[in-house]
Structures are given as C-alpha cells and as structure tokens.
C-alpha cells in the first residue's frame, strides 16, 4: 500500500552499482597485471571526455 507522500523509485542505485561492479569483474577476471593497467588507463581516458 502506497502512502500519500511515498515517492515511486525510478532508479535503483544499489542495483545499478552492483551491475557495474559485476561487469567490470567479468572484464578483468583473466587479465594480467599489465593488461589491467592498460584497461584502467583506457577507462580513465574514456571518462575524461
């Protein structure tokens, strides 16, 4: 039952963050340390744009 002032949740932050972490974990699970450094360097450049 909805209360009068209850807001409808349109974005689930916890689920979204969990999904992102799982995606990254899958992408880097088999990487060597050197590959991981390059991955992080690439991600840093992408987020700066």
N, C-alpha and C. Protein backbone atom coordinates (compact mmCIF):
# COMPACT_ATOMS: atom_id res chain seq x y z
N UNK A 1 0.83 -1.18 0.00
CA UNK A 1 0.00 0.00 0.00
C UNK A 1 0.88 1.25 0.00
N UNK A 2 0.65 2.16 -0.93
CA UNK A 2 1.43 3.39 -1.01
C UNK A 2 0.90 4.42 -0.02
N UNK A 3 1.83 5.08 0.61
CA UNK A 3 1.47 6.19 1.49
C UNK A 3 1.30 7.43 0.63
N UNK A 4 0.66 8.42 1.16
CA UNK A 4 0.36 9.64 0.42
C UNK A 4 1.62 10.33 -0.10
N UNK A 5 2.66 10.41 0.72
CA UNK A 5 3.88 11.13 0.34
C UNK A 5 5.00 10.22 -0.16
N UNK A 6 4.71 8.94 -0.34
CA UNK A 6 5.72 8.00 -0.80
C UNK A 6 6.07 8.25 -2.27
N UNK A 7 7.37 8.32 -2.55
CA UNK A 7 7.82 8.54 -3.93
C UNK A 7 8.02 7.19 -4.61
N UNK A 8 7.75 7.16 -5.88
CA UNK A 8 7.98 5.96 -6.67
C UNK A 8 9.45 5.94 -7.07
N UNK A 9 10.09 4.82 -6.79
CA UNK A 9 11.51 4.67 -7.08
C UNK A 9 11.70 4.44 -8.58
N UNK A 10 12.40 5.36 -9.24
CA UNK A 10 12.62 5.21 -10.67
C UNK A 10 14.04 4.77 -10.99
N UNK A 11 14.94 4.85 -10.01
CA UNK A 11 16.33 4.48 -10.23
C UNK A 11 16.84 3.78 -8.98
N UNK A 12 17.32 2.55 -9.14
CA UNK A 12 17.84 1.77 -8.02
C UNK A 12 19.37 1.86 -8.03
N UNK A 13 19.90 2.72 -7.19
CA UNK A 13 21.34 2.98 -7.15
C UNK A 13 22.12 1.73 -6.78
N UNK A 14 21.67 1.01 -5.78
CA UNK A 14 22.39 -0.19 -5.33
C UNK A 14 22.46 -1.24 -6.43
N UNK A 15 21.35 -1.49 -7.11
CA UNK A 15 21.33 -2.48 -8.19
C UNK A 15 22.23 -2.04 -9.34
N UNK A 16 22.16 -0.76 -9.70
CA UNK A 16 22.98 -0.24 -10.79
C UNK A 16 24.46 -0.38 -10.47
N UNK A 17 24.85 0.01 -9.25
CA UNK A 17 26.25 -0.08 -8.85
C UNK A 17 26.71 -1.53 -8.83
N UNK A 18 25.88 -2.44 -8.35
CA UNK A 18 26.20 -3.86 -8.31
C UNK A 18 26.39 -4.39 -9.73
N UNK A 19 25.50 -4.00 -10.65
CA UNK A 19 25.62 -4.44 -12.04
C UNK A 19 26.93 -3.96 -12.67
N UNK A 20 27.28 -2.71 -12.40
CA UNK A 20 28.53 -2.15 -12.94
C UNK A 20 29.74 -2.92 -12.39
N UNK A 21 29.74 -3.18 -11.07
CA UNK A 21 30.85 -3.90 -10.46
C UNK A 21 30.98 -5.31 -11.03
N UNK A 22 29.86 -5.99 -11.25
CA UNK A 22 29.89 -7.34 -11.82
C UNK A 22 30.42 -7.32 -13.24
N UNK A 23 30.03 -6.31 -14.03
CA UNK A 23 30.50 -6.19 -15.42
C UNK A 23 32.02 -5.99 -15.44
N UNK A 24 32.52 -5.11 -14.59
CA UNK A 24 33.96 -4.85 -14.53
C UNK A 24 34.70 -6.11 -14.07
N UNK A 25 34.17 -6.79 -13.08
CA UNK A 25 34.81 -8.01 -12.57
C UNK A 25 34.94 -9.05 -13.66
N UNK A 26 33.91 -9.20 -14.49
CA UNK A 26 33.98 -10.16 -15.60
C UNK A 26 35.02 -9.74 -16.62
N UNK A 27 35.08 -8.43 -16.90
CA UNK A 27 36.01 -7.94 -17.92
C UNK A 27 37.47 -8.13 -17.50
N UNK A 28 37.78 -7.99 -16.21
CA UNK A 28 39.17 -8.01 -15.77
C UNK A 28 39.59 -9.33 -15.12
N UNK A 29 38.69 -10.28 -15.03
CA UNK A 29 38.98 -11.51 -14.28
C UNK A 29 40.18 -12.29 -14.81
N UNK A 30 40.41 -12.31 -16.10
CA UNK A 30 41.50 -13.09 -16.67
C UNK A 30 42.68 -12.24 -17.14
N UNK A 31 42.72 -11.00 -16.72
CA UNK A 31 43.79 -10.11 -17.18
C UNK A 31 45.04 -10.26 -16.33
N UNK A 32 46.18 -10.05 -16.99
CA UNK A 32 47.44 -9.95 -16.26
C UNK A 32 47.51 -8.55 -15.66
N UNK A 33 48.52 -8.34 -14.82
CA UNK A 33 48.68 -7.03 -14.21
C UNK A 33 48.90 -5.95 -15.27
N UNK A 34 49.70 -6.26 -16.28
CA UNK A 34 49.97 -5.29 -17.34
C UNK A 34 48.69 -4.98 -18.12
N UNK A 35 47.90 -6.01 -18.43
CA UNK A 35 46.63 -5.80 -19.13
C UNK A 35 45.67 -4.95 -18.28
N UNK A 36 45.67 -5.21 -16.98
CA UNK A 36 44.81 -4.44 -16.07
C UNK A 36 45.22 -2.97 -16.04
N UNK A 37 46.51 -2.71 -16.02
CA UNK A 37 46.98 -1.31 -16.05
C UNK A 37 46.51 -0.61 -17.32
N UNK A 38 46.61 -1.29 -18.47
CA UNK A 38 46.16 -0.70 -19.73
C UNK A 38 44.64 -0.49 -19.73
N UNK A 39 43.92 -1.44 -19.19
CA UNK A 39 42.45 -1.33 -19.09
C UNK A 39 42.08 -0.10 -18.28
N UNK A 40 42.71 0.06 -17.12
CA UNK A 40 42.40 1.21 -16.26
C UNK A 40 42.81 2.53 -16.92
N UNK A 41 43.92 2.52 -17.62
CA UNK A 41 44.37 3.71 -18.33
C UNK A 41 43.35 4.09 -19.40
N UNK A 42 42.87 3.10 -20.14
CA UNK A 42 41.87 3.33 -21.19
C UNK A 42 40.56 3.85 -20.59
N UNK A 43 40.13 3.26 -19.47
CA UNK A 43 38.89 3.69 -18.83
C UNK A 43 38.99 5.12 -18.31
N UNK A 44 40.17 5.47 -17.81
CA UNK A 44 40.40 6.82 -17.31
C UNK A 44 40.29 7.82 -18.45
N UNK A 45 40.85 7.49 -19.62
CA UNK A 45 40.77 8.38 -20.77
C UNK A 45 39.32 8.52 -21.27
N UNK A 46 38.57 7.42 -21.25
CA UNK A 46 37.17 7.46 -21.69
C UNK A 46 36.33 8.35 -20.79
N UNK A 47 36.57 8.30 -19.48
CA UNK A 47 35.74 9.06 -18.55
C UNK A 47 36.10 10.56 -18.56
N UNK A 48 37.26 10.91 -19.07
CA UNK A 48 37.69 12.31 -19.10
C UNK A 48 37.05 13.07 -20.25
N UNK A 49 36.48 12.35 -21.20
CA UNK A 49 35.89 13.01 -22.38
C UNK A 49 34.54 13.58 -22.10
